[in-house]
Amino acid sequence: MRVQHLLENDCDFQTARLAEALATRAGEDFDIEQQIIGSPLPALRRLRERSAEVDLIHAWSLRGLTLAALAGDRRLIFSPARLPNRRGIGWLRAMMSYRDIRVVANSATMQRALIERGITIDRCHLIRPGVDFSRIQRRRNPALREELGFCDDDFVILAAGESDRPANHALAVWTASILYAMDERYKLLFCGRGEKSDSLRQFAGKLKQPDMVRDAEKTLRRRMEFDELLVAADLVLVTASAAVPTLPVMIAMAAGLPIVSTVTSELSELLEDRHSAMLVPKPTPKLIAQRILDIRQDPSLQWSISDTARTEAYEFFPLTKFVNEWREIYRGSAVQGAR
């Protein structure tokens, strides 16, 4: 079966990692090719030229889905990284009224919202991201910490995911600022990608605590993936104020690092307070800082939530499950299209 993936040039970490997993692990009965969308007109021309060579198009963005719908009559699958806004869902419904499109949500929250807003349940599926456990490194890496400018006794807090608006990493800076004022060994690390990365560095400067924050990619002068930074961290902090990609959180769970997190519907599908993480229902810097102190002062609690999170990640989010579920979606689309 010939499947074409349509990816944005600047797709997020989760999308890039999952698309790579499908392209390399789907098996010999699938021939998967990736096309990066640049300018829309050349992308549309290429899709039309290749239409006869493809059985199924898997679009990872609404723009990609729109181009695929315009390009020909191939069967289509749409897997958004985040829930589209109301206008986007309206456009999706319009396309689904005349094209064979199946939608795959990455959380139960997204699936429920799509169905509530008019996507029929028989064409709206759920496949959660999967973690490639072979990439997980559990041992702390002193060399990387030193390269990032951290001392052996620093307590490094890693902000989960990329620094875009929903991730709300400014809240992580506020939290670290409180802890840093108490003890300058508290440091905040973020990967350095996302629309808000520059503003985070500026924010730390305005707080007169520039040494508190490290931008990994800017400091190391090379590209760094989120999971590569886990070996330099002591704790993972999730400060999301809205829906964010959940794969970074799942990876942190599998790595066995303690997690402190705000509460959103998507995160509540993964984490449980004092079971697999410390949750903060009211996301204020003071309360988040207190949860971090609680973990540091109670080693048994730290071990318990980390061990439970790791166990649940290995049980519920293996990459093999993700790939197998996608294989079934691809096969189902082929059967449906043959009728």
Protein backbone atom coordinates (compact mmCIF):
# COMPACT_ATOMS: atom_id res chain seq x y z
CA MET A 1 0.00 0.00 0.00
CA ARG A 2 1.44 3.34 -1.09
CA VAL A 3 0.98 6.04 1.57
CA GLN A 4 2.11 9.64 1.26
CA HIS A 5 2.71 11.71 4.40
CA LEU A 6 2.21 15.48 4.10
CA LEU A 7 4.25 17.36 6.71
CA GLU A 8 4.80 21.04 7.41
CA ASN A 9 8.39 22.21 7.20
CA ASP A 10 8.25 23.46 10.81
CA CYS A 11 6.19 20.65 12.33
CA ASP A 12 6.44 20.12 16.07
CA PHE A 13 8.57 17.49 17.82
CA GLN A 14 5.66 15.08 18.33
CA THR A 15 4.55 15.15 14.70
CA ALA A 16 8.07 14.73 13.36
CA ARG A 17 8.86 11.86 15.72
CA LEU A 18 5.62 9.96 15.08
CA ALA A 19 5.77 10.41 11.31
CA GLU A 20 9.32 9.08 11.36
CA ALA A 21 8.20 6.06 13.39
CA LEU A 22 5.48 5.18 10.87
CA ALA A 23 7.78 5.70 7.89
CA THR A 24 10.42 3.35 9.31
CA ARG A 25 8.36 0.79 11.25
CA ALA A 26 5.05 0.29 9.44
CA GLY A 27 6.40 -2.82 7.70
CA GLU A 28 7.10 -4.11 4.22
CA ASP A 29 3.43 -4.10 3.22
CA PHE A 30 3.42 -0.28 3.37
CA ASP A 31 5.47 2.03 1.17
CA ILE A 32 5.46 5.38 2.99
CA GLU A 33 6.90 8.52 1.45
CA GLN A 34 7.15 11.91 3.13
CA GLN A 35 6.48 15.18 1.33
CA ILE A 36 7.35 18.43 3.07
CA ILE A 37 4.95 21.26 2.29
CA GLY A 38 6.62 24.50 1.37
CA SER A 39 4.83 27.00 -0.83
CA PRO A 40 1.28 25.76 -1.50
CA LEU A 41 1.23 25.99 -5.31
CA PRO A 42 4.36 23.87 -5.93
CA ALA A 43 3.13 21.41 -3.28
CA LEU A 44 -0.27 21.16 -4.99
CA ARG A 45 1.39 20.63 -8.39
CA ARG A 46 3.55 17.83 -7.02
CA LEU A 47 0.54 16.16 -5.36
CA ARG A 48 -1.36 16.20 -8.65
CA GLU A 49 1.61 14.80 -10.53
CA ARG A 50 1.98 11.94 -8.03
CA SER A 51 -1.74 11.25 -7.56
CA ALA A 52 -1.78 8.08 -9.67
CA GLU A 53 1.19 6.65 -7.73
CA VAL A 54 -0.43 6.95 -4.28
CA ASP A 55 -3.21 4.92 -2.62
CA LEU A 56 -3.65 7.04 0.49
CA ILE A 57 -2.58 10.49 1.68
CA HIS A 58 -1.98 11.06 5.38
CA ALA A 59 -2.01 14.79 6.18
CA TRP A 60 -0.54 15.92 9.50
CA SER A 61 -1.89 19.49 9.23
CA LEU A 62 -5.11 21.15 8.08
CA ARG A 63 -3.22 22.97 5.34
CA GLY A 64 -1.83 19.68 4.10
CA LEU A 65 -5.29 18.13 4.15
CA THR A 66 -6.70 21.03 2.13
CA LEU A 67 -3.99 20.68 -0.52
CA ALA A 68 -4.54 16.91 -0.68
CA ALA A 69 -8.30 17.38 -1.09
CA LEU A 70 -7.70 19.79 -3.98
CA ALA A 71 -5.09 17.57 -5.63
CA GLY A 72 -7.17 14.55 -6.56
CA ASP A 73 -9.47 11.76 -5.45
CA ARG A 74 -7.11 9.77 -3.22
CA ARG A 75 -8.38 8.56 0.14
CA LEU A 76 -7.36 10.92 2.96
CA ILE A 77 -6.45 10.67 6.64
CA PHE A 78 -6.02 13.70 8.88
CA SER A 79 -4.16 13.56 12.21
CA PRO A 80 -3.88 17.05 13.75
CA ALA A 81 -1.29 17.67 16.44
CA ARG A 82 -3.79 19.95 18.18
CA LEU A 83 -7.54 20.41 18.01
CA PRO A 84 -8.36 22.81 15.14
CA ASN A 85 -10.28 25.96 16.08
CA ARG A 86 -13.99 26.25 15.29
CA ARG A 87 -13.34 27.72 11.87
CA GLY A 88 -10.90 24.91 11.11
CA ILE A 89 -13.40 22.25 12.19
CA GLY A 90 -16.08 23.92 10.04
CA TRP A 91 -13.73 23.69 7.05
CA LEU A 92 -12.95 20.06 7.93
CA ARG A 93 -16.66 19.20 8.01
CA ALA A 94 -17.11 20.88 4.63
CA MET A 95 -14.31 18.80 3.09
CA MET A 96 -15.66 15.61 4.66
CA SER A 97 -19.04 16.23 3.04
CA TYR A 98 -17.59 15.52 -0.41
CA ARG A 99 -14.32 13.63 0.23
CA ASP A 100 -13.48 10.33 1.90
CA ILE A 101 -11.60 11.60 4.99
CA ARG A 102 -10.93 9.80 8.24
CA VAL A 103 -9.78 11.83 11.25
CA VAL A 104 -7.45 10.42 13.91
CA ALA A 105 -7.28 12.24 17.25
CA ASN A 106 -4.29 11.83 19.58
CA SER A 107 -6.27 12.12 22.82
CA ALA A 108 -9.74 11.22 24.06
CA THR A 109 -10.28 14.90 24.78
CA MET A 110 -9.61 15.82 21.15
CA GLN A 111 -11.76 12.98 19.86
CA ARG A 112 -14.67 14.02 22.07
CA ALA A 113 -14.39 17.67 21.01
CA LEU A 114 -14.33 16.74 17.32
CA ILE A 115 -17.43 14.57 17.68
CA GLU A 116 -19.25 17.24 19.69
CA ARG A 117 -18.53 19.72 16.89
CA GLY A 118 -19.95 17.62 14.10
CA ILE A 119 -17.37 15.01 13.02
CA THR A 120 -19.23 11.70 12.82
CA ILE A 121 -18.04 9.05 15.26
CA ASP A 122 -17.53 6.40 12.57
CA ARG A 123 -14.96 8.65 10.86
CA CYS A 124 -13.21 9.88 14.01
CA HIS A 125 -10.68 7.53 15.61
CA LEU A 126 -8.29 7.68 18.57
CA ILE A 127 -4.61 6.70 18.50
CA ARG A 128 -2.40 8.00 21.29
CA PRO A 129 1.29 8.71 20.62
CA GLY A 130 3.78 5.98 21.34
CA VAL A 131 7.19 6.18 23.00
CA ASP A 132 10.29 4.70 21.42
CA PHE A 133 11.82 3.23 24.55
CA SER A 134 15.09 2.48 22.75
CA ARG A 135 15.77 6.23 22.71
CA ILE A 136 15.30 6.65 26.46
CA GLN A 137 18.51 7.20 28.40
CA ARG A 138 18.04 7.03 32.16
CA ARG A 139 21.50 7.75 33.50
CA ARG A 140 22.37 11.33 34.27
CA ASN A 141 24.95 12.77 31.87
CA PRO A 142 27.44 14.95 33.76
CA ALA A 143 29.24 15.91 30.54
CA LEU A 144 26.07 17.32 28.97
CA ARG A 145 25.18 19.14 32.17
CA GLU A 146 28.62 20.73 32.22
CA GLU A 147 28.32 21.66 28.54
CA LEU A 148 25.02 23.38 29.36
CA GLY A 149 26.69 25.32 32.15
CA PHE A 150 25.27 23.45 35.13
CA CYS A 151 27.18 22.43 38.25
CA ASP A 152 26.98 18.98 39.82
CA ASP A 153 24.79 20.19 42.67
CA ASP A 154 22.41 22.30 40.54
CA PHE A 155 18.79 21.15 40.50
CA VAL A 156 17.79 21.32 36.83
CA ILE A 157 14.12 21.73 35.93
CA LEU A 158 13.33 20.83 32.31
CA ALA A 159 10.34 22.61 30.76
CA ALA A 160 8.34 20.03 28.80
CA GLY A 161 7.99 20.35 25.05
CA GLU A 162 8.47 23.38 22.85
CA SER A 163 8.02 26.97 23.94
CA ASP A 164 4.81 27.98 22.20
CA ARG A 165 1.85 29.88 23.64
CA PRO A 166 -0.15 26.86 24.97
CA ALA A 167 2.96 25.48 26.73
CA ASN A 168 3.05 28.66 28.85
CA HIS A 169 6.75 28.38 29.67
CA ALA A 170 6.66 31.90 31.10
CA LEU A 171 4.98 30.27 34.10
CA ALA A 172 7.96 27.93 34.35
CA VAL A 173 10.29 30.97 34.41
CA TRP A 174 8.24 32.59 37.21
CA THR A 175 8.34 29.35 39.18
CA ALA A 176 12.09 28.92 38.74
CA SER A 177 12.57 32.56 39.71
CA ILE A 178 10.95 31.93 43.10
CA LEU A 179 13.12 28.87 43.70
CA TYR A 180 16.26 30.61 42.44
CA ALA A 181 15.69 33.47 44.90
CA MET A 182 15.74 30.87 47.69
CA ASP A 183 18.66 28.86 46.32
CA GLU A 184 20.68 29.73 43.21
CA ARG A 185 21.25 26.06 42.48
CA TYR A 186 17.75 25.87 40.96
CA LYS A 187 18.01 26.19 37.17
CA LEU A 188 15.50 26.05 34.32
CA LEU A 189 16.27 24.32 31.01
CA PHE A 190 14.20 24.47 27.84
CA CYS A 191 14.96 23.05 24.41
CA GLY A 192 15.07 26.38 22.57
CA ARG A 193 12.37 25.81 19.98
CA GLY A 194 9.00 27.48 19.64
CA GLU A 195 7.66 30.97 19.02
CA LYS A 196 8.19 32.05 22.63
CA SER A 197 11.83 30.96 23.07
CA ASP A 198 13.33 34.43 22.63
CA SER A 199 10.81 36.02 24.98
CA LEU A 200 11.70 33.53 27.72
CA ARG A 201 15.34 34.60 27.66
CA GLN A 202 14.28 38.25 27.71
CA PHE A 203 11.91 37.56 30.61
CA ALA A 204 14.70 36.01 32.69
CA GLY A 205 16.84 39.07 31.93
CA LYS A 206 14.11 41.42 33.14
CA LEU A 207 13.94 39.43 36.36
CA LYS A 208 17.70 40.05 36.71
CA GLN A 209 18.25 36.29 36.81
CA PRO A 210 19.76 35.55 33.38
CA ASP A 211 21.92 32.73 34.78
CA MET A 212 18.79 30.91 35.94
CA VAL A 213 17.60 29.95 32.43
CA ARG A 214 19.34 27.86 29.77
CA ASP A 215 18.24 27.65 26.16
CA ALA A 216 19.70 24.27 25.13
CA GLU A 217 20.04 24.88 21.41
CA LYS A 218 21.42 28.38 21.81
CA THR A 219 23.87 27.30 24.51
CA LEU A 220 25.09 24.19 22.69
CA ARG A 221 24.85 25.71 19.20
CA ARG A 222 23.31 22.57 17.77
CA ARG A 223 19.87 21.05 17.37
CA MET A 224 18.64 19.17 20.43
CA GLU A 225 15.62 16.92 20.68
CA PHE A 226 13.55 17.02 23.86
CA ASP A 227 14.41 13.46 24.89
CA GLU A 228 18.14 14.18 24.59
CA LEU A 229 17.83 16.73 27.42
CA LEU A 230 16.29 14.38 29.97
CA VAL A 231 19.73 13.11 31.05
CA ALA A 232 20.66 16.66 32.07
CA ALA A 233 17.51 17.22 34.17
CA ASP A 234 16.38 16.38 37.69
CA LEU A 235 12.67 17.12 37.21
CA VAL A 236 10.25 17.81 34.36
CA LEU A 237 7.84 20.72 34.67
CA VAL A 238 4.65 20.93 32.57
CA THR A 239 3.03 24.37 32.67
CA ALA A 240 0.48 24.00 29.85
CA SER A 241 -2.49 26.34 29.91
CA ALA A 242 -4.21 24.64 26.93
CA ALA A 243 -3.84 21.52 24.83
CA VAL A 244 -0.22 20.66 24.04
CA PRO A 245 1.38 17.63 22.36
CA THR A 246 1.55 14.89 24.97
CA LEU A 247 4.49 12.86 23.63
CA PRO A 248 7.09 14.89 25.62
CA VAL A 249 5.19 14.09 28.82
CA MET A 250 4.97 10.41 27.93
CA ILE A 251 8.73 10.37 27.26
CA ALA A 252 9.40 12.03 30.61
CA MET A 253 7.25 9.36 32.28
CA ALA A 254 9.21 6.59 30.56
CA ALA A 255 12.51 8.19 31.62
CA GLY A 256 11.49 7.94 35.27
CA LEU A 257 11.95 11.61 36.07
CA PRO A 258 9.58 13.18 38.62
CA ILE A 259 6.94 15.36 36.97
CA VAL A 260 5.16 18.43 38.28
CA SER A 261 2.28 19.49 36.06
CA THR A 262 -0.63 21.84 35.65
CA VAL A 263 -4.01 20.27 34.94
CA THR A 264 -5.64 20.13 31.50
CA SER A 265 -8.03 17.55 30.07
CA GLU A 266 -5.30 16.00 27.93
CA LEU A 267 -2.76 15.81 30.75
CA SER A 268 -5.36 14.27 33.07
CA GLU A 269 -5.54 11.33 30.66
CA LEU A 270 -1.88 10.60 31.43
CA LEU A 271 -1.14 11.79 34.96
CA GLU A 272 -2.71 11.31 38.37
CA ASP A 273 -1.86 13.44 41.39
CA ARG A 274 0.56 11.83 43.86
CA HIS A 275 0.36 8.64 41.81
CA SER A 276 2.39 9.36 38.68
CA ALA A 277 3.02 13.10 39.11
CA MET A 278 2.43 16.09 41.36
CA LEU A 279 -0.45 18.05 39.86
CA VAL A 280 -1.24 21.72 40.47
CA PRO A 281 -4.95 22.46 39.81
CA LYS A 282 -4.44 26.19 40.39
CA PRO A 283 -1.43 27.11 38.22
CA THR A 284 0.34 29.82 40.20
CA PRO A 285 4.14 30.08 40.42
CA LYS A 286 4.03 29.86 44.22
CA LEU A 287 2.01 26.62 44.27
CA ILE A 288 4.10 25.02 41.54
CA ALA A 289 7.30 25.95 43.39
CA GLN A 290 5.86 24.40 46.55
CA ARG A 291 5.13 21.12 44.70
CA ILE A 292 8.74 21.01 43.53
CA LEU A 293 9.95 21.58 47.09
CA ASP A 294 7.58 18.84 48.32
CA ILE A 295 9.20 16.36 45.93
CA ARG A 296 12.74 17.33 46.94
CA GLN A 297 11.92 17.02 50.63
CA ASP A 298 10.29 13.60 50.30
CA PRO A 299 12.56 11.10 48.48
CA SER A 300 10.02 8.29 48.90
CA LEU A 301 7.35 10.37 47.16
CA GLN A 302 9.79 11.21 44.38
CA TRP A 303 10.64 7.55 43.87
CA SER A 304 6.99 6.46 44.03
CA ILE A 305 5.60 8.85 41.41
CA SER A 306 8.59 8.35 39.11
CA ASP A 307 8.39 4.57 39.29
CA THR A 308 4.62 4.56 38.72
CA ALA A 309 4.92 6.93 35.76
CA ARG A 310 7.61 4.80 34.17
CA THR A 311 5.61 1.61 34.67
CA GLU A 312 2.47 3.13 33.16
CA ALA A 313 4.37 4.57 30.19
CA TYR A 314 5.77 1.14 29.33
CA GLU A 315 2.36 -0.46 29.79
CA PHE A 316 0.13 2.01 27.95
CA PHE A 317 2.27 3.98 25.47
CA PRO A 318 4.64 1.61 23.63
CA LEU A 319 5.58 2.60 20.10
CA THR A 320 4.63 -0.87 18.84
CA LYS A 321 1.02 -0.28 19.88
CA PHE A 322 0.98 3.09 18.12
CA VAL A 323 2.37 1.63 14.90
CA ASN A 324 0.02 -1.38 14.93
CA GLU A 325 -3.03 0.84 15.44
CA TRP A 326 -1.96 3.01 12.51
CA ARG A 327 -1.44 -0.07 10.34
CA GLU A 328 -5.06 -0.99 11.04
CA ILE A 329 -6.24 2.51 10.13
CA TYR A 330 -4.34 2.35 6.84
CA ARG A 331 -5.72 -1.11 6.08
CA GLY A 332 -9.25 0.00 7.01
CA SER A 333 -8.99 2.91 4.63
CA ALA A 334 -7.93 0.55 1.86
CA VAL A 335 -10.89 -1.77 2.48
CA GLN A 336 -13.31 1.15 2.69
CA GLY A 337 -11.96 2.62 -0.56
CA ALA A 338 -12.31 -0.70 -2.38
CA ARG A 339 -16.04 -0.96 -1.68
